[in-house]
PDB file of N, CA and C in Angstrom:
ATOM      1  N   UNK A   1     -11.823  -2.192  -8.621  1.00  0.00           N
ATOM      2  CA  UNK A   1     -10.676  -1.308  -8.740  1.00  0.00           C
ATOM      3  C   UNK A   1      -9.431  -2.037  -8.269  1.00  0.00           C
ATOM      4  N   UNK A   2      -8.367  -1.792  -9.006  1.00  0.00           N
ATOM      5  CA  UNK A   2      -7.064  -2.290  -8.587  1.00  0.00           C
ATOM      6  C   UNK A   2      -6.118  -1.106  -8.511  1.00  0.00           C
ATOM      7  N   UNK A   3      -5.376  -1.016  -7.421  1.00  0.00           N
ATOM      8  CA  UNK A   3      -4.311  -0.025  -7.297  1.00  0.00           C
ATOM      9  C   UNK A   3      -3.047  -0.637  -7.875  1.00  0.00           C
ATOM     10  N   UNK A   4      -2.434   0.052  -8.837  1.00  0.00           N
ATOM     11  CA  UNK A   4      -1.232  -0.467  -9.476  1.00  0.00           C
ATOM     12  C   UNK A   4      -0.089   0.536  -9.345  1.00  0.00           C
ATOM     13  N   UNK A   5       1.120   0.018  -9.134  1.00  0.00           N
ATOM     14  CA  UNK A   5       2.278   0.907  -9.131  1.00  0.00           C
ATOM     15  C   UNK A   5       2.528   1.374 -10.555  1.00  0.00           C
ATOM     16  N   UNK A   6       3.356   2.392 -10.696  1.00  0.00           N
ATOM     17  CA  UNK A   6       3.567   3.016 -11.999  1.00  0.00           C
ATOM     18  C   UNK A   6       4.019   2.017 -13.070  1.00  0.00           C
ATOM     19  N   UNK A   7       4.982   1.181 -12.750  1.00  0.00           N
ATOM     20  CA  UNK A   7       5.519   0.247 -13.744  1.00  0.00           C
ATOM     21  C   UNK A   7       4.444  -0.737 -14.211  1.00  0.00           C
ATOM     22  N   UNK A   8       3.706  -1.319 -13.278  1.00  0.00           N
ATOM     23  CA  UNK A   8       2.648  -2.267 -13.623  1.00  0.00           C
ATOM     24  C   UNK A   8       1.553  -1.582 -14.424  1.00  0.00           C
ATOM     25  N   UNK A   9       1.147  -0.395 -13.966  1.00  0.00           N
ATOM     26  CA  UNK A   9       0.081   0.378 -14.626  1.00  0.00           C
ATOM     27  C   UNK A   9       0.469   0.700 -16.069  1.00  0.00           C
ATOM     28  N   UNK A  10       1.691   1.200 -16.251  1.00  0.00           N
ATOM     29  CA  UNK A  10       2.156   1.584 -17.588  1.00  0.00           C
ATOM     30  C   UNK A  10       2.290   0.370 -18.502  1.00  0.00           C
ATOM     31  N   UNK A  11       2.859  -0.726 -18.006  1.00  0.00           N
ATOM     32  CA  UNK A  11       3.030  -1.926 -18.824  1.00  0.00           C
ATOM     33  C   UNK A  11       1.691  -2.540 -19.209  1.00  0.00           C
ATOM     34  N   UNK A  12       0.774  -2.596 -18.256  1.00  0.00           N
ATOM     35  CA  UNK A  12      -0.553  -3.158 -18.527  1.00  0.00           C
ATOM     36  C   UNK A  12      -1.306  -2.281 -19.533  1.00  0.00           C
ATOM     37  N   UNK A  13      -1.232  -0.962 -19.358  1.00  0.00           N
ATOM     38  CA  UNK A  13      -1.875  -0.023 -20.272  1.00  0.00           C
ATOM     39  C   UNK A  13      -1.340  -0.194 -21.691  1.00  0.00           C
ATOM     40  N   UNK A  14      -0.035  -0.326 -21.832  1.00  0.00           N
ATOM     41  CA  UNK A  14       0.598  -0.441 -23.153  1.00  0.00           C
ATOM     42  C   UNK A  14       0.136  -1.689 -23.903  1.00  0.00           C
ATOM     43  N   UNK A  15      -0.179  -2.759 -23.188  1.00  0.00           N
ATOM     44  CA  UNK A  15      -0.570  -4.028 -23.810  1.00  0.00           C
ATOM     45  C   UNK A  15      -2.077  -4.175 -23.983  1.00  0.00           C
ATOM     46  N   UNK A  16      -2.851  -3.287 -23.384  1.00  0.00           N
ATOM     47  CA  UNK A  16      -4.308  -3.436 -23.322  1.00  0.00           C
ATOM     48  C   UNK A  16      -4.983  -2.768 -24.519  1.00  0.00           C
ATOM     49  N   UNK A  17      -5.531  -3.572 -25.425  1.00  0.00           N
ATOM     50  CA  UNK A  17      -6.209  -3.043 -26.608  1.00  0.00           C
ATOM     51  C   UNK A  17      -7.602  -2.511 -26.288  1.00  0.00           C
ATOM     52  N   UNK A  18      -8.074  -2.743 -25.075  1.00  0.00           N
ATOM     53  CA  UNK A  18      -9.405  -2.316 -24.650  1.00  0.00           C
ATOM     54  C   UNK A  18      -9.300  -1.185 -23.616  1.00  0.00           C
ATOM     55  N   UNK A  19      -8.178  -0.471 -23.640  1.00  0.00           N
ATOM     56  CA  UNK A  19      -7.886   0.526 -22.608  1.00  0.00           C
ATOM     57  C   UNK A  19      -8.429   1.911 -22.935  1.00  0.00           C
ATOM     58  N   UNK A  20      -8.852   2.613 -21.876  1.00  0.00           N
ATOM     59  CA  UNK A  20      -9.200   4.021 -21.944  1.00  0.00           C
ATOM     60  C   UNK A  20      -8.447   4.699 -20.812  1.00  0.00           C
ATOM     61  N   UNK A  21      -7.781   5.799 -21.133  1.00  0.00           N
ATOM     62  CA  UNK A  21      -6.985   6.547 -20.160  1.00  0.00           C
ATOM     63  C   UNK A  21      -7.815   7.725 -19.674  1.00  0.00           C
ATOM     64  N   UNK A  22      -8.013   7.819 -18.361  1.00  0.00           N
ATOM     65  CA  UNK A  22      -8.883   8.842 -17.790  1.00  0.00           C
ATOM     66  C   UNK A  22      -8.122   9.681 -16.764  1.00  0.00           C
ATOM     67  N   UNK A  23      -8.072  10.982 -17.018  1.00  0.00           N
ATOM     68  CA  UNK A  23      -7.437  11.962 -16.133  1.00  0.00           C
ATOM     69  C   UNK A  23      -8.552  12.653 -15.353  1.00  0.00           C
ATOM     70  N   UNK A  24      -8.541  12.536 -14.023  1.00  0.00           N
ATOM     71  CA  UNK A  24      -9.630  13.100 -13.226  1.00  0.00           C
ATOM     72  C   UNK A  24      -9.205  14.380 -12.492  1.00  0.00           C
ATOM     73  N   UNK A  25      -8.133  15.003 -12.959  1.00  0.00           N
ATOM     74  CA  UNK A  25      -7.681  16.256 -12.359  1.00  0.00           C
ATOM     75  C   UNK A  25      -8.507  17.430 -12.889  1.00  0.00           C
ATOM     76  N   UNK A  26      -8.179  18.625 -12.418  1.00  0.00           N
ATOM     77  CA  UNK A  26      -8.868  19.828 -12.878  1.00  0.00           C
ATOM     78  C   UNK A  26      -8.369  20.210 -14.275  1.00  0.00           C
ATOM     79  N   UNK A  27      -9.141  21.018 -15.004  1.00  0.00           N
ATOM     80  CA  UNK A  27      -8.673  21.477 -16.319  1.00  0.00           C
ATOM     81  C   UNK A  27      -7.342  22.231 -16.229  1.00  0.00           C
ATOM     82  N   UNK A  28      -7.137  22.974 -15.156  1.00  0.00           N
ATOM     83  CA  UNK A  28      -5.877  23.708 -14.987  1.00  0.00           C
ATOM     84  C   UNK A  28      -4.697  22.750 -14.843  1.00  0.00           C
ATOM     85  N   UNK A  29      -4.883  21.689 -14.071  1.00  0.00           N
ATOM     86  CA  UNK A  29      -3.822  20.684 -13.914  1.00  0.00           C
ATOM     87  C   UNK A  29      -3.567  19.978 -15.246  1.00  0.00           C
ATOM     88  N   UNK A  30      -4.632  19.665 -15.961  1.00  0.00           N
ATOM     89  CA  UNK A  30      -4.541  18.983 -17.252  1.00  0.00           C
ATOM     90  C   UNK A  30      -3.730  19.817 -18.239  1.00  0.00           C
ATOM     91  N   UNK A  31      -3.988  21.138 -18.249  1.00  0.00           N
ATOM     92  CA  UNK A  31      -3.286  22.024 -19.182  1.00  0.00           C
ATOM     93  C   UNK A  31      -1.796  22.115 -18.887  1.00  0.00           C
ATOM     94  N   UNK A  32      -1.393  21.829 -17.658  1.00  0.00           N
ATOM     95  CA  UNK A  32       0.030  21.857 -17.292  1.00  0.00           C
ATOM     96  C   UNK A  32       0.774  20.654 -17.846  1.00  0.00           C
ATOM     97  N   UNK A  33       0.038  19.621 -18.246  1.00  0.00           N
ATOM     98  CA  UNK A  33       0.628  18.415 -18.808  1.00  0.00           C
ATOM     99  C   UNK A  33      -0.221  17.202 -18.484  1.00  0.00           C
ATOM    100  N   UNK A  34      -0.307  16.267 -19.438  1.00  0.00           N
ATOM    101  CA  UNK A  34      -1.113  15.068 -19.248  1.00  0.00           C
ATOM    102  C   UNK A  34      -0.501  13.920 -20.030  1.00  0.00           C
ATOM    103  N   UNK A  35      -0.911  12.716 -19.693  1.00  0.00           N
ATOM    104  CA  UNK A  35      -0.439  11.530 -20.399  1.00  0.00           C
ATOM    105  C   UNK A  35      -1.154  11.491 -21.754  1.00  0.00           C
ATOM    106  N   UNK A  36      -0.413  11.337 -22.847  1.00  0.00           N
ATOM    107  CA  UNK A  36      -1.020  11.357 -24.177  1.00  0.00           C
ATOM    108  C   UNK A  36      -2.200  10.391 -24.304  1.00  0.00           C
ATOM    109  N   UNK A  37      -3.287  10.894 -24.884  1.00  0.00           N
ATOM    110  CA  UNK A  37      -4.478  10.095 -25.113  1.00  0.00           C
ATOM    111  C   UNK A  37      -5.485  10.136 -23.978  1.00  0.00           C
ATOM    112  N   UNK A  38      -5.170  10.852 -22.912  1.00  0.00           N
ATOM    113  CA  UNK A  38      -6.062  10.892 -21.747  1.00  0.00           C
ATOM    114  C   UNK A  38      -7.303  11.729 -22.003  1.00  0.00           C
ATOM    115  N   UNK A  39      -8.420  11.252 -21.482  1.00  0.00           N
ATOM    116  CA  UNK A  39      -9.691  11.968 -21.500  1.00  0.00           C
ATOM    117  C   UNK A  39      -9.822  12.662 -20.146  1.00  0.00           C
ATOM    118  N   UNK A  40     -10.206  13.918 -20.158  1.00  0.00           N
ATOM    119  CA  UNK A  40     -10.368  14.665 -18.916  1.00  0.00           C
ATOM    120  C   UNK A  40     -11.786  14.508 -18.380  1.00  0.00           C
ATOM    121  N   UNK A  41     -11.891  14.148 -17.091  1.00  0.00           N
ATOM    122  CA  UNK A  41     -13.185  14.064 -16.392  1.00  0.00           C
ATOM    123  C   UNK A  41     -12.929  14.536 -14.955  1.00  0.00           C
ATOM    124  N   UNK A  42     -13.054  15.825 -14.731  1.00  0.00           N
ATOM    125  CA  UNK A  42     -12.732  16.467 -13.455  1.00  0.00           C
ATOM    126  C   UNK A  42     -13.637  15.960 -12.333  1.00  0.00           C
ATOM    127  N   UNK A  43     -13.068  15.198 -11.416  1.00  0.00           N
ATOM    128  CA  UNK A  43     -13.869  14.644 -10.317  1.00  0.00           C
ATOM    129  C   UNK A  43     -14.245  15.705  -9.288  1.00  0.00           C
ATOM    130  N   UNK A  44     -13.584  16.855  -9.313  1.00  0.00           N
ATOM    131  CA  UNK A  44     -13.925  17.913  -8.366  1.00  0.00           C
ATOM    132  C   UNK A  44     -15.195  18.664  -8.777  1.00  0.00           C
ATOM    133  N   UNK A  45     -15.721  18.359  -9.942  1.00  0.00           N
ATOM    134  CA  UNK A  45     -17.019  18.865 -10.401  1.00  0.00           C
ATOM    135  C   UNK A  45     -17.919  17.632 -10.545  1.00  0.00           C
ATOM    136  N   UNK A  46     -18.536  17.200  -9.449  1.00  0.00           N
ATOM    137  CA  UNK A  46     -19.252  15.916  -9.442  1.00  0.00           C
ATOM    138  C   UNK A  46     -20.265  15.717 -10.565  1.00  0.00           C
ATOM    139  N   UNK A  47     -21.060  16.728 -10.874  1.00  0.00           N
ATOM    140  CA  UNK A  47     -22.061  16.552 -11.924  1.00  0.00           C
ATOM    141  C   UNK A  47     -21.410  16.375 -13.290  1.00  0.00           C
ATOM    142  N   UNK A  48     -20.370  17.162 -13.572  1.00  0.00           N
ATOM    143  CA  UNK A  48     -19.643  17.008 -14.829  1.00  0.00           C
ATOM    144  C   UNK A  48     -18.983  15.631 -14.903  1.00  0.00           C
ATOM    145  N   UNK A  49     -18.397  15.198 -13.787  1.00  0.00           N
ATOM    146  CA  UNK A  49     -17.752  13.889 -13.754  1.00  0.00           C
ATOM    147  C   UNK A  49     -18.774  12.790 -14.073  1.00  0.00           C
ATOM    148  N   UNK A  50     -19.936  12.863 -13.428  1.00  0.00           N
ATOM    149  CA  UNK A  50     -20.973  11.856 -13.669  1.00  0.00           C
ATOM    150  C   UNK A  50     -21.445  11.899 -15.119  1.00  0.00           C
ATOM    151  N   UNK A  51     -21.667  13.093 -15.661  1.00  0.00           N
ATOM    152  CA  UNK A  51     -22.101  13.220 -17.054  1.00  0.00           C
ATOM    153  C   UNK A  51     -21.057  12.653 -18.008  1.00  0.00           C
ATOM    154  N   UNK A  52     -19.784  13.005 -17.778  1.00  0.00           N
ATOM    155  CA  UNK A  52     -18.707  12.532 -18.650  1.00  0.00           C
ATOM    156  C   UNK A  52     -18.551  11.022 -18.592  1.00  0.00           C
ATOM    157  N   UNK A  53     -18.598  10.452 -17.394  1.00  0.00           N
ATOM    158  CA  UNK A  53     -18.385   9.010 -17.288  1.00  0.00           C
ATOM    159  C   UNK A  53     -19.581   8.211 -17.799  1.00  0.00           C
ATOM    160  N   UNK A  54     -20.788   8.760 -17.706  1.00  0.00           N
ATOM    161  CA  UNK A  54     -21.967   8.042 -18.204  1.00  0.00           C
ATOM    162  C   UNK A  54     -21.898   7.844 -19.717  1.00  0.00           C
ATOM    163  N   UNK A  55     -21.142   8.673 -20.404  1.00  0.00           N
ATOM    164  CA  UNK A  55     -21.010   8.576 -21.860  1.00  0.00           C
ATOM    165  C   UNK A  55     -19.973   7.544 -22.292  1.00  0.00           C
ATOM    166  N   UNK A  56     -19.223   6.999 -21.343  1.00  0.00           N
ATOM    167  CA  UNK A  56     -18.141   6.068 -21.661  1.00  0.00           C
ATOM    168  C   UNK A  56     -18.642   4.629 -21.729  1.00  0.00           C
ATOM    169  N   UNK A  57     -17.940   3.810 -22.489  1.00  0.00           N
ATOM    170  CA  UNK A  57     -18.262   2.390 -22.645  1.00  0.00           C
ATOM    171  C   UNK A  57     -17.805   1.639 -21.389  1.00  0.00           C
ATOM    172  N   UNK A  58     -18.733   1.162 -20.601  1.00  0.00           N
ATOM    173  CA  UNK A  58     -18.428   0.532 -19.320  1.00  0.00           C
ATOM    174  C   UNK A  58     -17.697  -0.799 -19.462  1.00  0.00           C
ATOM    175  N   UNK A  59     -17.671  -1.361 -20.656  1.00  0.00           N
ATOM    176  CA  UNK A  59     -16.980  -2.640 -20.852  1.00  0.00           C
ATOM    177  C   UNK A  59     -15.478  -2.462 -21.096  1.00  0.00           C
ATOM    178  N   UNK A  60     -15.037  -1.240 -21.271  1.00  0.00           N
ATOM    179  CA  UNK A  60     -13.606  -0.967 -21.490  1.00  0.00           C
ATOM    180  C   UNK A  60     -12.836  -1.068 -20.174  1.00  0.00           C
ATOM    181  N   UNK A  61     -11.525  -1.087 -20.270  1.00  0.00           N
ATOM    182  CA  UNK A  61     -10.647  -1.086 -19.094  1.00  0.00           C
ATOM    183  C   UNK A  61     -10.153   0.340 -18.884  1.00  0.00           C
ATOM    184  N   UNK A  62     -10.459   0.910 -17.736  1.00  0.00           N
ATOM    185  CA  UNK A  62     -10.141   2.310 -17.470  1.00  0.00           C
ATOM    186  C   UNK A  62      -8.912   2.444 -16.578  1.00  0.00           C
ATOM    187  N   UNK A  63      -7.928   3.173 -17.096  1.00  0.00           N
ATOM    188  CA  UNK A  63      -6.697   3.479 -16.376  1.00  0.00           C
ATOM    189  C   UNK A  63      -6.821   4.927 -15.926  1.00  0.00           C
ATOM    190  N   UNK A  64      -6.967   5.109 -14.619  1.00  0.00           N
ATOM    191  CA  UNK A  64      -7.354   6.389 -14.058  1.00  0.00           C
ATOM    192  C   UNK A  64      -6.211   6.981 -13.252  1.00  0.00           C
ATOM    193  N   UNK A  65      -6.003   8.295 -13.433  1.00  0.00           N
ATOM    194  CA  UNK A  65      -4.968   8.963 -12.638  1.00  0.00           C
ATOM    195  C   UNK A  65      -5.386  10.377 -12.273  1.00  0.00           C
ATOM    196  N   UNK A  66      -4.757  10.873 -11.215  1.00  0.00           N
ATOM    197  CA  UNK A  66      -4.899  12.266 -10.781  1.00  0.00           C
ATOM    198  C   UNK A  66      -3.498  12.741 -10.426  1.00  0.00           C
ATOM    199  N   UNK A  67      -3.380  13.717  -9.569  1.00  0.00           N
ATOM    200  CA  UNK A  67      -2.052  14.240  -9.224  1.00  0.00           C
ATOM    201  C   UNK A  67      -1.280  13.294  -8.307  1.00  0.00           C
ATOM    202  N   UNK A  68      -1.958  12.764  -7.260  1.00  0.00           N
ATOM    203  CA  UNK A  68      -1.246  11.949  -6.278  1.00  0.00           C
ATOM    204  C   UNK A  68      -1.863  10.573  -6.021  1.00  0.00           C
ATOM    205  N   UNK A  69      -2.998  10.262  -6.619  1.00  0.00           N
ATOM    206  CA  UNK A  69      -3.602   8.945  -6.474  1.00  0.00           C
ATOM    207  C   UNK A  69      -4.876   8.891  -5.643  1.00  0.00           C
ATOM    208  N   UNK A  70      -5.186   9.929  -4.884  1.00  0.00           N
ATOM    209  CA  UNK A  70      -6.374   9.937  -4.036  1.00  0.00           C
ATOM    210  C   UNK A  70      -7.669  10.142  -4.800  1.00  0.00           C
ATOM    211  N   UNK A  71      -7.697  11.185  -5.628  1.00  0.00           N
ATOM    212  CA  UNK A  71      -8.911  11.455  -6.407  1.00  0.00           C
ATOM    213  C   UNK A  71      -9.190  10.346  -7.410  1.00  0.00           C
ATOM    214  N   UNK A  72      -8.124   9.788  -7.976  1.00  0.00           N
ATOM    215  CA  UNK A  72      -8.330   8.712  -8.950  1.00  0.00           C
ATOM    216  C   UNK A  72      -8.849   7.448  -8.269  1.00  0.00           C
ATOM    217  N   UNK A  73      -8.423   7.179  -7.041  1.00  0.00           N
ATOM    218  CA  UNK A  73      -8.963   6.040  -6.298  1.00  0.00           C
ATOM    219  C   UNK A  73     -10.455   6.252  -6.042  1.00  0.00           C
ATOM    220  N   UNK A  74     -10.817   7.470  -5.677  1.00  0.00           N
ATOM    221  CA  UNK A  74     -12.226   7.808  -5.461  1.00  0.00           C
ATOM    222  C   UNK A  74     -13.010   7.648  -6.761  1.00  0.00           C
ATOM    223  N   UNK A  75     -12.441   8.120  -7.867  1.00  0.00           N
ATOM    224  CA  UNK A  75     -13.104   8.001  -9.168  1.00  0.00           C
ATOM    225  C   UNK A  75     -13.327   6.536  -9.532  1.00  0.00           C
ATOM    226  N   UNK A  76     -12.326   5.697  -9.295  1.00  0.00           N
ATOM    227  CA  UNK A  76     -12.462   4.268  -9.591  1.00  0.00           C
ATOM    228  C   UNK A  76     -13.585   3.651  -8.764  1.00  0.00           C
ATOM    229  N   UNK A  77     -13.688   4.018  -7.501  1.00  0.00           N
ATOM    230  CA  UNK A  77     -14.746   3.479  -6.648  1.00  0.00           C
ATOM    231  C   UNK A  77     -16.121   3.885  -7.176  1.00  0.00           C
ATOM    232  N   UNK A  78     -16.263   5.142  -7.558  1.00  0.00           N
ATOM    233  CA  UNK A  78     -17.530   5.620  -8.111  1.00  0.00           C
ATOM    234  C   UNK A  78     -17.856   4.880  -9.403  1.00  0.00           C
ATOM    235  N   UNK A  79     -16.860   4.762 -10.268  1.00  0.00           N
ATOM    236  CA  UNK A  79     -17.069   4.084 -11.544  1.00  0.00           C
ATOM    237  C   UNK A  79     -17.452   2.616 -11.339  1.00  0.00           C
ATOM    238  N   UNK A  80     -16.821   1.966 -10.373  1.00  0.00           N
ATOM    239  CA  UNK A  80     -17.173   0.575 -10.064  1.00  0.00           C
ATOM    240  C   UNK A  80     -18.643   0.482  -9.642  1.00  0.00           C
ATOM    241  N   UNK A  81     -19.092   1.436  -8.829  1.00  0.00           N
ATOM    242  CA  UNK A  81     -20.483   1.455  -8.379  1.00  0.00           C
ATOM    243  C   UNK A  81     -21.448   1.710  -9.546  1.00  0.00           C
ATOM    244  N   UNK A  82     -20.966   2.416 -10.568  1.00  0.00           N
ATOM    245  CA  UNK A  82     -21.799   2.712 -11.737  1.00  0.00           C
ATOM    246  C   UNK A  82     -21.818   1.567 -12.749  1.00  0.00           C
ATOM    247  N   UNK A  83     -21.073   0.504 -12.469  1.00  0.00           N
ATOM    248  CA  UNK A  83     -21.111  -0.664 -13.341  1.00  0.00           C
ATOM    249  C   UNK A  83     -19.957  -0.808 -14.311  1.00  0.00           C
ATOM    250  N   UNK A  84     -18.900  -0.025 -14.150  1.00  0.00           N
ATOM    251  CA  UNK A  84     -17.726  -0.187 -15.008  1.00  0.00           C
ATOM    252  C   UNK A  84     -17.048  -1.501 -14.630  1.00  0.00           C
ATOM    253  N   UNK A  85     -16.632  -2.262 -15.630  1.00  0.00           N
ATOM    254  CA  UNK A  85     -16.115  -3.602 -15.365  1.00  0.00           C
ATOM    255  C   UNK A  85     -14.679  -3.617 -14.834  1.00  0.00           C
ATOM    256  N   UNK A  86     -13.823  -2.701 -15.289  1.00  0.00           N
ATOM    257  CA  UNK A  86     -12.422  -2.726 -14.865  1.00  0.00           C
ATOM    258  C   UNK A  86     -11.871  -1.316 -14.719  1.00  0.00           C
ATOM    259  N   UNK A  87     -11.421  -0.991 -13.508  1.00  0.00           N
ATOM    260  CA  UNK A  87     -10.771   0.297 -13.273  1.00  0.00           C
ATOM    261  C   UNK A  87      -9.440   0.055 -12.580  1.00  0.00           C
ATOM    262  N   UNK A  88      -8.427   0.797 -13.018  1.00  0.00           N
ATOM    263  CA  UNK A  88      -7.081   0.652 -12.484  1.00  0.00           C
ATOM    264  C   UNK A  88      -6.560   2.022 -12.066  1.00  0.00           C
ATOM    265  N   UNK A  89      -6.241   2.155 -10.791  1.00  0.00           N
ATOM    266  CA  UNK A  89      -5.762   3.412 -10.229  1.00  0.00           C
ATOM    267  C   UNK A  89      -4.241   3.457 -10.247  1.00  0.00           C
ATOM    268  N   UNK A  90      -3.693   4.579 -10.714  1.00  0.00           N
ATOM    269  CA  UNK A  90      -2.244   4.789 -10.700  1.00  0.00           C
ATOM    270  C   UNK A  90      -1.830   5.276  -9.319  1.00  0.00           C
ATOM    271  N   UNK A  91      -1.195   4.406  -8.536  1.00  0.00           N
ATOM    272  CA  UNK A  91      -0.715   4.794  -7.211  1.00  0.00           C
ATOM    273  C   UNK A  91       0.337   5.888  -7.340  1.00  0.00           C
ATOM    274  N   UNK A  92       0.185   6.933  -6.566  1.00  0.00           N
ATOM    275  CA  UNK A  92       1.126   8.048  -6.622  1.00  0.00           C
ATOM    276  C   UNK A  92       0.752   9.079  -7.666  1.00  0.00           C
ATOM    277  N   UNK A  93      -0.120   8.723  -8.590  1.00  0.00           N
ATOM    278  CA  UNK A  93      -0.643   9.648  -9.578  1.00  0.00           C
ATOM    279  C   UNK A  93       0.375  10.214 -10.557  1.00  0.00           C
ATOM    280  N   UNK A  94      -0.042  11.304 -11.177  1.00  0.00           N
ATOM    281  CA  UNK A  94       0.762  11.966 -12.207  1.00  0.00           C
ATOM    282  C   UNK A  94       2.094  12.453 -11.644  1.00  0.00           C
ATOM    283  N   UNK A  95       2.145  12.713 -10.343  1.00  0.00           N
ATOM    284  CA  UNK A  95       3.372  13.225  -9.734  1.00  0.00           C
ATOM    285  C   UNK A  95       4.520  12.214  -9.797  1.00  0.00           C
ATOM    286  N   UNK A  96       4.206  10.923  -9.956  1.00  0.00           N
ATOM    287  CA  UNK A  96       5.259   9.912 -10.067  1.00  0.00           C
ATOM    288  C   UNK A  96       5.477   9.453 -11.510  1.00  0.00           C
ATOM    289  N   UNK A  97       4.686   9.983 -12.440  1.00  0.00           N
ATOM    290  CA  UNK A  97       4.743   9.541 -13.835  1.00  0.00           C
ATOM    291  C   UNK A  97       6.098   9.867 -14.450  1.00  0.00           C
ATOM    292  N   UNK A  98       6.702   8.878 -15.078  1.00  0.00           N
ATOM    293  CA  UNK A  98       8.006   9.054 -15.720  1.00  0.00           C
ATOM    294  C   UNK A  98       7.928   8.821 -17.225  1.00  0.00           C
ATOM    295  N   UNK A  99       6.725   8.668 -17.740  1.00  0.00           N
ATOM    296  CA  UNK A  99       6.553   8.427 -19.170  1.00  0.00           C
ATOM    297  C   UNK A  99       6.347   9.726 -19.942  1.00  0.00           C
ATOM    298  N   UNK A 100       5.890   9.572 -21.160  1.00  0.00           N
ATOM    299  CA  UNK A 100       5.643  10.710 -22.040  1.00  0.00           C
ATOM    300  C   UNK A 100       4.537  11.614 -21.499  1.00  0.00           C
ATOM    301  N   UNK A 101       4.704  12.916 -21.703  1.00  0.00           N
ATOM    302  CA  UNK A 101       3.731  13.910 -21.248  1.00  0.00           C
ATOM    303  C   UNK A 101       3.434  14.868 -22.404  1.00  0.00           C
ATOM    304  N   UNK A 102       2.167  15.208 -22.583  1.00  0.00           N
ATOM    305  CA  UNK A 102       1.749  16.196 -23.570  1.00  0.00           C
ATOM    306  C   UNK A 102       1.421  17.487 -22.844  1.00  0.00           C
ATOM    307  N   UNK A 103       1.842  18.604 -23.418  1.00  0.00           N
ATOM    308  CA  UNK A 103       1.526  19.921 -22.823  1.00  0.00           C
ATOM    309  C   UNK A 103       0.820  20.772 -23.836  1.00  0.00           C
TER     310      UNK A 103
END
């Protein structure tokens, strides 16, 4: 896992052809707005999170975010333990996001 500031995270994501965007917030938070293209995997429901992430291609590069950066850091650690090759945590989370948002 690498913790990246918003600018680095966004620039790296934009250039990465092997990227997957993962939102680990709750469905209610997701419905309030999310980064376009994000897959929802609610880390607050551990079994659902594990089921959802097991279906993902572990060789991809995962750009993970939550509201403030804590849950996404935890998600990256779990994913690393499950054998995912590259996880990138958005420091500050969705609350600092200044890019496009889908509602």
